[in-house]
Amino acid sequence: MNRSQLLAGAVALVIALSFGCTRGAHSPTDPSGPDFLSLSSITPPTGTKLSPGSSVTFTVKVDYQETCKDNLNVLSGGTITMVIQDQVDTNLLSPGVSKAVDNGRGSATLSAHISVPTAGVNQVKVLLRLDPEAIGCILQFRSYSVSASYPVGH
């Protein structure tokens, strides 16, 4: 390898690292292991049959871990968003409900109320997503999601 190839490789590495999401040393507030989002509880329970025209309040508790850092090696946190849609991905809740969370491991509760449409809907989906705030993590499409599904009918 000649000198110009080494220099080009070094420049490429610096650019890649400056836009990347990094992981630093872990501490008690930033535990080791992969990031995740998991559904701890949801009411009504997943699979409950919903009646057309009924009013429903969804309350969700999720556990998460978000450890992404921005390119300055600063913990950035993230946002958990809840969206409610029908079977063809039409939003039934607009805007969605969101909650900012800090880096590390934790739990969050989100709640939203909808009226189930009287016609044209045979399924309601509750979708939850954890998105990091660090731009480098966003550019790497690092997000985590969970969902619950409910049939609609009489």
N, C-alpha and C. Protein backbone atom coordinates (compact mmCIF):
# COMPACT_ATOMS: atom_id res chain seq x y z
N MET A 1 0.83 -1.17 0.00
CA MET A 1 0.00 0.00 0.00
C MET A 1 0.89 1.24 0.00
N ASN A 2 0.54 2.19 -0.88
CA ASN A 2 1.35 3.40 -0.92
C ASN A 2 0.80 4.45 0.06
N ARG A 3 1.51 5.52 0.18
CA ARG A 3 1.18 6.56 1.15
C ARG A 3 -0.19 7.19 0.89
N SER A 4 -0.54 7.45 -0.36
CA SER A 4 -1.83 8.08 -0.67
C SER A 4 -2.99 7.13 -0.36
N GLN A 5 -2.81 5.82 -0.53
CA GLN A 5 -3.86 4.87 -0.18
C GLN A 5 -4.06 4.82 1.34
N LEU A 6 -2.97 4.87 2.09
CA LEU A 6 -3.07 4.90 3.55
C LEU A 6 -3.78 6.16 4.04
N LEU A 7 -3.43 7.29 3.43
CA LEU A 7 -4.05 8.56 3.79
C LEU A 7 -5.54 8.53 3.47
N ALA A 8 -5.92 8.02 2.30
CA ALA A 8 -7.33 7.94 1.91
C ALA A 8 -8.09 7.03 2.88
N GLY A 9 -7.47 5.92 3.28
CA GLY A 9 -8.11 5.01 4.24
C GLY A 9 -8.31 5.68 5.58
N ALA A 10 -7.32 6.42 6.04
CA ALA A 10 -7.42 7.12 7.32
C ALA A 10 -8.51 8.18 7.29
N VAL A 11 -8.60 8.93 6.20
CA VAL A 11 -9.65 9.95 6.05
C VAL A 11 -11.03 9.30 6.06
N ALA A 12 -11.17 8.20 5.33
CA ALA A 12 -12.45 7.50 5.29
C ALA A 12 -12.85 7.00 6.68
N LEU A 13 -11.88 6.50 7.44
CA LEU A 13 -12.15 6.02 8.79
C LEU A 13 -12.60 7.16 9.70
N VAL A 14 -11.93 8.31 9.62
CA VAL A 14 -12.31 9.47 10.44
C VAL A 14 -13.72 9.92 10.08
N ILE A 15 -14.07 9.97 8.81
CA ILE A 15 -15.42 10.39 8.39
C ILE A 15 -16.44 9.40 8.91
N ALA A 16 -16.19 8.11 8.76
CA ALA A 16 -17.13 7.09 9.23
C ALA A 16 -17.35 7.18 10.73
N LEU A 17 -16.29 7.38 11.49
CA LEU A 17 -16.42 7.48 12.94
C LEU A 17 -17.13 8.75 13.38
N SER A 18 -16.95 9.82 12.64
CA SER A 18 -17.58 11.08 13.04
C SER A 18 -19.09 11.05 12.86
N PHE A 19 -19.60 10.18 11.97
CA PHE A 19 -21.03 10.08 11.78
C PHE A 19 -21.62 8.85 12.45
N GLY A 20 -20.82 8.06 13.08
CA GLY A 20 -21.30 6.80 13.64
C GLY A 20 -21.87 6.95 15.03
N CYS A 21 -22.53 5.89 15.44
CA CYS A 21 -23.05 5.78 16.79
C CYS A 21 -22.06 4.94 17.57
N THR A 22 -21.57 5.45 18.65
CA THR A 22 -20.53 4.74 19.38
C THR A 22 -21.07 4.17 20.66
N ARG A 23 -20.36 3.22 21.19
CA ARG A 23 -20.67 2.65 22.50
C ARG A 23 -19.43 2.83 23.36
N GLY A 24 -19.63 3.44 24.50
CA GLY A 24 -18.51 3.66 25.40
C GLY A 24 -18.51 2.61 26.50
N ALA A 25 -17.71 2.84 27.50
CA ALA A 25 -17.68 1.95 28.66
C ALA A 25 -19.04 2.02 29.35
N HIS A 26 -19.50 0.92 29.86
CA HIS A 26 -20.81 0.88 30.50
C HIS A 26 -20.67 1.12 32.00
N SER A 27 -21.67 1.77 32.55
CA SER A 27 -21.72 2.07 33.97
C SER A 27 -23.06 1.58 34.51
N PRO A 28 -23.34 1.70 35.80
CA PRO A 28 -24.63 1.25 36.33
C PRO A 28 -25.82 1.93 35.67
N THR A 29 -25.68 3.17 35.22
CA THR A 29 -26.79 3.84 34.55
C THR A 29 -26.77 3.59 33.05
N ASP A 30 -25.76 2.94 32.56
CA ASP A 30 -25.61 2.62 31.14
C ASP A 30 -25.16 1.16 31.05
N PRO A 31 -26.09 0.20 31.36
CA PRO A 31 -25.69 -1.20 31.48
C PRO A 31 -25.21 -1.81 30.18
N SER A 32 -24.43 -2.88 30.33
CA SER A 32 -23.94 -3.56 29.14
C SER A 32 -25.06 -4.34 28.49
N GLY A 33 -24.85 -4.73 27.26
CA GLY A 33 -25.84 -5.50 26.53
C GLY A 33 -26.46 -4.67 25.43
N PRO A 34 -27.23 -5.34 24.58
CA PRO A 34 -27.81 -4.64 23.44
C PRO A 34 -28.97 -3.74 23.84
N ASP A 35 -29.23 -2.75 23.00
CA ASP A 35 -30.40 -1.90 23.19
C ASP A 35 -31.64 -2.74 22.90
N PHE A 36 -32.76 -2.36 23.52
CA PHE A 36 -34.00 -3.11 23.27
C PHE A 36 -35.20 -2.28 23.66
N LEU A 37 -36.36 -2.73 23.21
CA LEU A 37 -37.66 -2.22 23.62
C LEU A 37 -38.54 -3.44 23.77
N SER A 38 -39.14 -3.65 24.94
CA SER A 38 -40.01 -4.80 25.14
C SER A 38 -41.31 -4.37 25.81
N LEU A 39 -42.37 -5.05 25.45
CA LEU A 39 -43.69 -4.77 25.99
C LEU A 39 -43.84 -5.48 27.33
N SER A 40 -43.95 -4.71 28.40
CA SER A 40 -44.09 -5.27 29.74
C SER A 40 -45.55 -5.57 30.05
N SER A 41 -46.45 -4.62 29.71
CA SER A 41 -47.88 -4.84 29.90
C SER A 41 -48.66 -3.90 28.98
N ILE A 42 -49.89 -4.30 28.68
CA ILE A 42 -50.77 -3.47 27.86
C ILE A 42 -52.21 -3.76 28.26
N THR A 43 -53.00 -2.69 28.37
CA THR A 43 -54.44 -2.84 28.58
C THR A 43 -55.16 -2.06 27.49
N PRO A 44 -56.20 -2.63 26.92
CA PRO A 44 -56.67 -3.99 27.15
C PRO A 44 -55.64 -5.01 26.67
N PRO A 45 -55.74 -6.27 27.16
CA PRO A 45 -54.77 -7.29 26.77
C PRO A 45 -54.76 -7.51 25.25
N THR A 46 -53.60 -7.83 24.72
CA THR A 46 -53.44 -8.11 23.30
C THR A 46 -54.46 -9.17 22.89
N GLY A 47 -55.09 -8.97 21.73
CA GLY A 47 -56.05 -9.93 21.20
C GLY A 47 -57.48 -9.71 21.64
N THR A 48 -57.71 -8.77 22.57
CA THR A 48 -59.08 -8.47 23.00
C THR A 48 -59.89 -7.98 21.81
N LYS A 49 -61.11 -8.51 21.65
CA LYS A 49 -61.96 -8.09 20.53
C LYS A 49 -62.57 -6.72 20.86
N LEU A 50 -62.39 -5.79 19.93
CA LEU A 50 -62.92 -4.43 20.09
C LEU A 50 -64.19 -4.28 19.27
N SER A 51 -65.17 -3.57 19.80
CA SER A 51 -66.43 -3.35 19.09
C SER A 51 -66.36 -2.09 18.25
N PRO A 52 -66.89 -2.13 17.01
CA PRO A 52 -66.95 -0.91 16.20
C PRO A 52 -67.71 0.18 16.96
N GLY A 53 -67.20 1.41 16.93
CA GLY A 53 -67.84 2.53 17.60
C GLY A 53 -67.51 2.66 19.07
N SER A 54 -66.78 1.70 19.63
CA SER A 54 -66.45 1.76 21.06
C SER A 54 -65.28 2.71 21.31
N SER A 55 -65.22 3.20 22.54
CA SER A 55 -64.09 4.02 22.98
C SER A 55 -63.13 3.11 23.73
N VAL A 56 -61.85 3.25 23.42
CA VAL A 56 -60.84 2.39 24.03
C VAL A 56 -59.66 3.24 24.48
N THR A 57 -59.19 3.00 25.70
CA THR A 57 -57.96 3.62 26.18
C THR A 57 -56.90 2.54 26.25
N PHE A 58 -55.83 2.73 25.52
CA PHE A 58 -54.70 1.81 25.54
C PHE A 58 -53.66 2.37 26.50
N THR A 59 -53.24 1.56 27.46
CA THR A 59 -52.18 1.95 28.38
C THR A 59 -51.09 0.89 28.26
N VAL A 60 -49.89 1.36 27.94
CA VAL A 60 -48.78 0.47 27.63
C VAL A 60 -47.61 0.77 28.56
N LYS A 61 -47.02 -0.29 29.10
CA LYS A 61 -45.77 -0.14 29.84
C LYS A 61 -44.70 -0.90 29.06
N VAL A 62 -43.61 -0.21 28.75
CA VAL A 62 -42.50 -0.82 28.03
C VAL A 62 -41.24 -0.72 28.87
N ASP A 63 -40.36 -1.70 28.69
CA ASP A 63 -39.02 -1.66 29.25
C ASP A 63 -38.08 -1.38 28.10
N TYR A 64 -37.02 -0.64 28.36
CA TYR A 64 -36.11 -0.28 27.28
C TYR A 64 -34.68 -0.19 27.78
N GLN A 65 -33.78 -0.22 26.83
CA GLN A 65 -32.39 0.14 27.06
C GLN A 65 -31.92 0.88 25.82
N GLU A 66 -31.37 2.06 26.01
CA GLU A 66 -30.90 2.90 24.92
C GLU A 66 -29.51 3.39 25.31
N THR A 67 -28.47 2.97 24.57
CA THR A 67 -27.11 3.29 24.96
C THR A 67 -26.33 4.03 23.88
N CYS A 68 -27.02 4.48 22.86
CA CYS A 68 -26.32 5.14 21.76
C CYS A 68 -25.75 6.49 22.22
N LYS A 69 -24.59 6.82 21.69
CA LYS A 69 -23.94 8.10 21.97
C LYS A 69 -23.72 8.84 20.66
N ASP A 70 -23.74 10.17 20.75
CA ASP A 70 -23.50 10.94 19.53
C ASP A 70 -22.01 10.94 19.19
N ASN A 71 -21.66 11.61 18.11
CA ASN A 71 -20.27 11.56 17.65
C ASN A 71 -19.30 12.29 18.57
N LEU A 72 -19.80 12.99 19.57
CA LEU A 72 -18.94 13.62 20.56
C LEU A 72 -18.86 12.76 21.82
N ASN A 73 -19.36 11.49 21.71
CA ASN A 73 -19.34 10.53 22.79
C ASN A 73 -20.18 10.99 23.98
N VAL A 74 -21.27 11.70 23.69
CA VAL A 74 -22.19 12.19 24.71
C VAL A 74 -23.46 11.35 24.63
N LEU A 75 -23.93 10.87 25.79
CA LEU A 75 -25.17 10.11 25.82
C LEU A 75 -26.31 10.99 25.32
N SER A 76 -27.18 10.41 24.49
CA SER A 76 -28.18 11.25 23.85
C SER A 76 -29.62 10.96 24.22
N GLY A 77 -29.92 9.78 24.73
CA GLY A 77 -31.31 9.45 25.02
C GLY A 77 -32.08 9.13 23.76
N GLY A 78 -33.39 9.13 23.88
CA GLY A 78 -34.22 8.79 22.73
C GLY A 78 -35.67 9.13 22.99
N THR A 79 -36.54 8.67 22.09
CA THR A 79 -37.96 8.92 22.18
C THR A 79 -38.72 7.62 21.93
N ILE A 80 -39.68 7.32 22.80
CA ILE A 80 -40.58 6.20 22.58
C ILE A 80 -41.88 6.79 22.05
N THR A 81 -42.35 6.28 20.92
CA THR A 81 -43.57 6.78 20.28
C THR A 81 -44.60 5.67 20.18
N MET A 82 -45.84 5.99 20.48
CA MET A 82 -46.95 5.05 20.31
C MET A 82 -47.85 5.56 19.20
N VAL A 83 -48.12 4.68 18.23
CA VAL A 83 -49.00 4.98 17.12
C VAL A 83 -50.08 3.92 17.10
N ILE A 84 -51.32 4.31 16.79
CA ILE A 84 -52.43 3.35 16.69
C ILE A 84 -52.97 3.42 15.27
N GLN A 85 -53.03 2.26 14.60
CA GLN A 85 -53.43 2.19 13.19
C GLN A 85 -54.45 1.08 12.98
N ASP A 86 -55.11 1.14 11.81
CA ASP A 86 -55.99 0.04 11.42
C ASP A 86 -55.21 -0.97 10.59
N GLN A 87 -55.91 -1.92 9.99
CA GLN A 87 -55.26 -3.00 9.25
C GLN A 87 -54.53 -2.55 7.99
N VAL A 88 -54.84 -1.36 7.47
CA VAL A 88 -54.14 -0.86 6.27
C VAL A 88 -53.23 0.33 6.62
N ASP A 89 -52.85 0.42 7.89
CA ASP A 89 -51.90 1.42 8.38
C ASP A 89 -52.42 2.86 8.36
N THR A 90 -53.74 3.02 8.39
CA THR A 90 -54.32 4.35 8.55
C THR A 90 -54.26 4.72 10.02
N ASN A 91 -53.75 5.91 10.32
CA ASN A 91 -53.62 6.34 11.71
C ASN A 91 -54.99 6.59 12.33
N LEU A 92 -55.22 5.99 13.48
CA LEU A 92 -56.45 6.22 14.23
C LEU A 92 -56.22 7.19 15.38
N LEU A 93 -54.96 7.51 15.61
CA LEU A 93 -54.55 8.45 16.66
C LEU A 93 -53.60 9.44 16.02
N SER A 94 -54.01 10.70 15.98
CA SER A 94 -53.15 11.69 15.35
C SER A 94 -53.14 12.95 16.20
N PRO A 95 -51.99 13.40 16.63
CA PRO A 95 -50.68 12.78 16.44
C PRO A 95 -50.50 11.61 17.41
N GLY A 96 -49.44 10.85 17.20
CA GLY A 96 -49.10 9.77 18.12
C GLY A 96 -48.66 10.33 19.46
N VAL A 97 -48.57 9.46 20.45
CA VAL A 97 -48.12 9.84 21.79
C VAL A 97 -46.63 9.51 21.89
N SER A 98 -45.85 10.43 22.47
CA SER A 98 -44.42 10.15 22.60
C SER A 98 -43.91 10.56 23.97
N LYS A 99 -42.78 9.95 24.33
CA LYS A 99 -42.16 10.24 25.62
C LYS A 99 -40.65 10.20 25.45
N ALA A 100 -39.98 11.26 25.88
CA ALA A 100 -38.51 11.31 25.84
C ALA A 100 -37.96 10.45 26.98
N VAL A 101 -36.90 9.70 26.67
CA VAL A 101 -36.26 8.86 27.69
C VAL A 101 -34.76 9.13 27.69
N ASP A 102 -34.15 8.92 28.85
CA ASP A 102 -32.71 9.08 28.99
C ASP A 102 -31.99 7.82 28.54
N ASN A 103 -30.69 7.95 28.33
CA ASN A 103 -29.88 6.77 28.05
C ASN A 103 -29.90 5.85 29.25
N GLY A 104 -29.65 4.58 28.99
CA GLY A 104 -29.61 3.58 30.03
C GLY A 104 -30.83 2.70 29.97
N ARG A 105 -31.08 2.00 31.06
CA ARG A 105 -32.20 1.07 31.13
C ARG A 105 -33.31 1.70 31.94
N GLY A 106 -34.56 1.45 31.55
CA GLY A 106 -35.68 2.00 32.28
C GLY A 106 -36.99 1.45 31.79
N SER A 107 -38.07 2.04 32.29
CA SER A 107 -39.40 1.69 31.82
C SER A 107 -40.18 2.98 31.62
N ALA A 108 -41.20 2.90 30.77
CA ALA A 108 -42.02 4.07 30.47
C ALA A 108 -43.46 3.61 30.26
N THR A 109 -44.39 4.47 30.62
CA THR A 109 -45.81 4.20 30.42
C THR A 109 -46.38 5.26 29.49
N LEU A 110 -47.12 4.80 28.48
CA LEU A 110 -47.78 5.69 27.54
C LEU A 110 -49.25 5.30 27.47
N SER A 111 -50.11 6.28 27.27
CA SER A 111 -51.54 6.01 27.23
C SER A 111 -52.18 6.87 26.15
N ALA A 112 -53.18 6.29 25.46
CA ALA A 112 -53.90 7.03 24.42
C ALA A 112 -55.32 6.49 24.30
N HIS A 113 -56.23 7.38 23.94
CA HIS A 113 -57.65 7.05 23.83
C HIS A 113 -58.07 7.19 22.37
N ILE A 114 -58.81 6.20 21.86
CA ILE A 114 -59.36 6.31 20.50
C ILE A 114 -60.81 5.86 20.51
N SER A 115 -61.52 6.24 19.45
CA SER A 115 -62.83 5.68 19.15
C SER A 115 -62.63 4.76 17.95
N VAL A 116 -63.02 3.51 18.10
CA VAL A 116 -62.89 2.55 17.01
C VAL A 116 -63.90 2.94 15.92
N PRO A 117 -63.45 3.09 14.67
CA PRO A 117 -64.38 3.45 13.60
C PRO A 117 -65.55 2.46 13.51
N THR A 118 -66.71 2.96 13.10
CA THR A 118 -67.90 2.12 13.05
C THR A 118 -67.92 1.20 11.83
N ALA A 119 -67.12 1.51 10.82
CA ALA A 119 -67.11 0.67 9.61
C ALA A 119 -65.72 0.69 8.99
N GLY A 120 -65.42 -0.38 8.24
CA GLY A 120 -64.18 -0.43 7.46
C GLY A 120 -62.93 -0.85 8.20
N VAL A 121 -63.07 -1.16 9.49
CA VAL A 121 -61.89 -1.55 10.27
C VAL A 121 -62.13 -2.95 10.84
N ASN A 122 -61.19 -3.86 10.58
CA ASN A 122 -61.30 -5.20 11.16
C ASN A 122 -60.14 -5.53 12.10
N GLN A 123 -59.20 -4.58 12.21
CA GLN A 123 -58.06 -4.78 13.10
C GLN A 123 -57.52 -3.43 13.55
N VAL A 124 -57.13 -3.36 14.83
CA VAL A 124 -56.45 -2.18 15.39
C VAL A 124 -55.08 -2.65 15.86
N LYS A 125 -54.04 -1.88 15.50
CA LYS A 125 -52.67 -2.20 15.90
C LYS A 125 -52.11 -1.06 16.74
N VAL A 126 -51.47 -1.42 17.83
CA VAL A 126 -50.76 -0.46 18.67
C VAL A 126 -49.27 -0.71 18.42
N LEU A 127 -48.59 0.29 17.89
CA LEU A 127 -47.18 0.18 17.53
C LEU A 127 -46.36 1.09 18.43
N LEU A 128 -45.28 0.56 18.97
CA LEU A 128 -44.38 1.34 19.82
C LEU A 128 -42.98 1.26 19.25
N ARG A 129 -42.29 2.40 19.27
CA ARG A 129 -40.97 2.46 18.67
C ARG A 129 -40.05 3.30 19.53
N LEU A 130 -38.82 2.83 19.70
CA LEU A 130 -37.78 3.58 20.40
C LEU A 130 -36.78 4.07 19.36
N ASP A 131 -36.63 5.37 19.26
CA ASP A 131 -35.68 5.98 18.33
C ASP A 131 -34.65 6.77 19.11
N PRO A 132 -33.35 6.56 18.82
CA PRO A 132 -32.31 7.35 19.49
C PRO A 132 -32.31 8.78 18.95
N GLU A 133 -31.79 9.70 19.74
CA GLU A 133 -31.69 11.09 19.30
C GLU A 133 -30.40 11.39 18.57
N ALA A 134 -29.34 10.63 18.83
CA ALA A 134 -28.05 10.91 18.20
C ALA A 134 -28.16 10.73 16.69
N ILE A 135 -27.75 11.73 15.94
CA ILE A 135 -27.87 11.71 14.48
C ILE A 135 -27.13 10.52 13.88
N GLY A 136 -25.98 10.17 14.43
CA GLY A 136 -25.24 9.02 13.92
C GLY A 136 -26.02 7.73 14.06
N CYS A 137 -26.77 7.59 15.13
CA CYS A 137 -27.59 6.38 15.34
C CYS A 137 -28.79 6.39 14.41
N ILE A 138 -29.37 7.57 14.19
CA ILE A 138 -30.49 7.69 13.26
C ILE A 138 -30.04 7.33 11.86
N LEU A 139 -28.86 7.80 11.46
CA LEU A 139 -28.35 7.49 10.12
C LEU A 139 -28.08 6.01 9.94
N GLN A 140 -27.85 5.30 11.03
CA GLN A 140 -27.65 3.85 10.96
C GLN A 140 -28.97 3.08 11.09
N PHE A 141 -30.09 3.80 11.10
CA PHE A 141 -31.43 3.22 11.19
C PHE A 141 -31.57 2.32 12.42
N ARG A 142 -31.04 2.78 13.55
CA ARG A 142 -31.12 2.01 14.78
C ARG A 142 -32.36 2.42 15.54
N SER A 143 -33.40 1.62 15.41
CA SER A 143 -34.59 1.82 16.20
C SER A 143 -35.13 0.45 16.58
N TYR A 144 -36.00 0.41 17.57
CA TYR A 144 -36.52 -0.83 18.09
C TYR A 144 -38.02 -0.68 18.22
N SER A 145 -38.78 -1.75 17.87
CA SER A 145 -40.23 -1.63 17.92
C SER A 145 -40.88 -2.89 18.46
N VAL A 146 -42.08 -2.70 19.00
CA VAL A 146 -42.95 -3.78 19.46
C VAL A 146 -44.37 -3.40 19.08
N SER A 147 -45.27 -4.38 19.03
CA SER A 147 -46.64 -4.09 18.66
C SER A 147 -47.62 -5.03 19.33
N ALA A 148 -48.88 -4.65 19.31
CA ALA A 148 -49.98 -5.48 19.79
C ALA A 148 -51.12 -5.33 18.80
N SER A 149 -51.93 -6.39 18.66
CA SER A 149 -52.99 -6.39 17.66
C SER A 149 -54.32 -6.76 18.29
N TYR A 150 -55.40 -6.15 17.77
CA TYR A 150 -56.75 -6.35 18.30
C TYR A 150 -57.72 -6.54 17.15
N PRO A 151 -58.49 -7.66 17.15
CA PRO A 151 -59.53 -7.81 16.13
C PRO A 151 -60.70 -6.86 16.42
N VAL A 152 -61.39 -6.45 15.40
CA VAL A 152 -62.57 -5.58 15.54
C VAL A 152 -63.77 -6.31 14.96
N GLY A 153 -64.84 -6.35 15.71
CA GLY A 153 -66.08 -6.99 15.23
C GLY A 153 -67.12 -7.05 16.31
N HIS A 154 -68.27 -7.55 15.93
CA HIS A 154 -69.40 -7.67 16.90
C HIS A 154 -69.36 -9.00 17.60
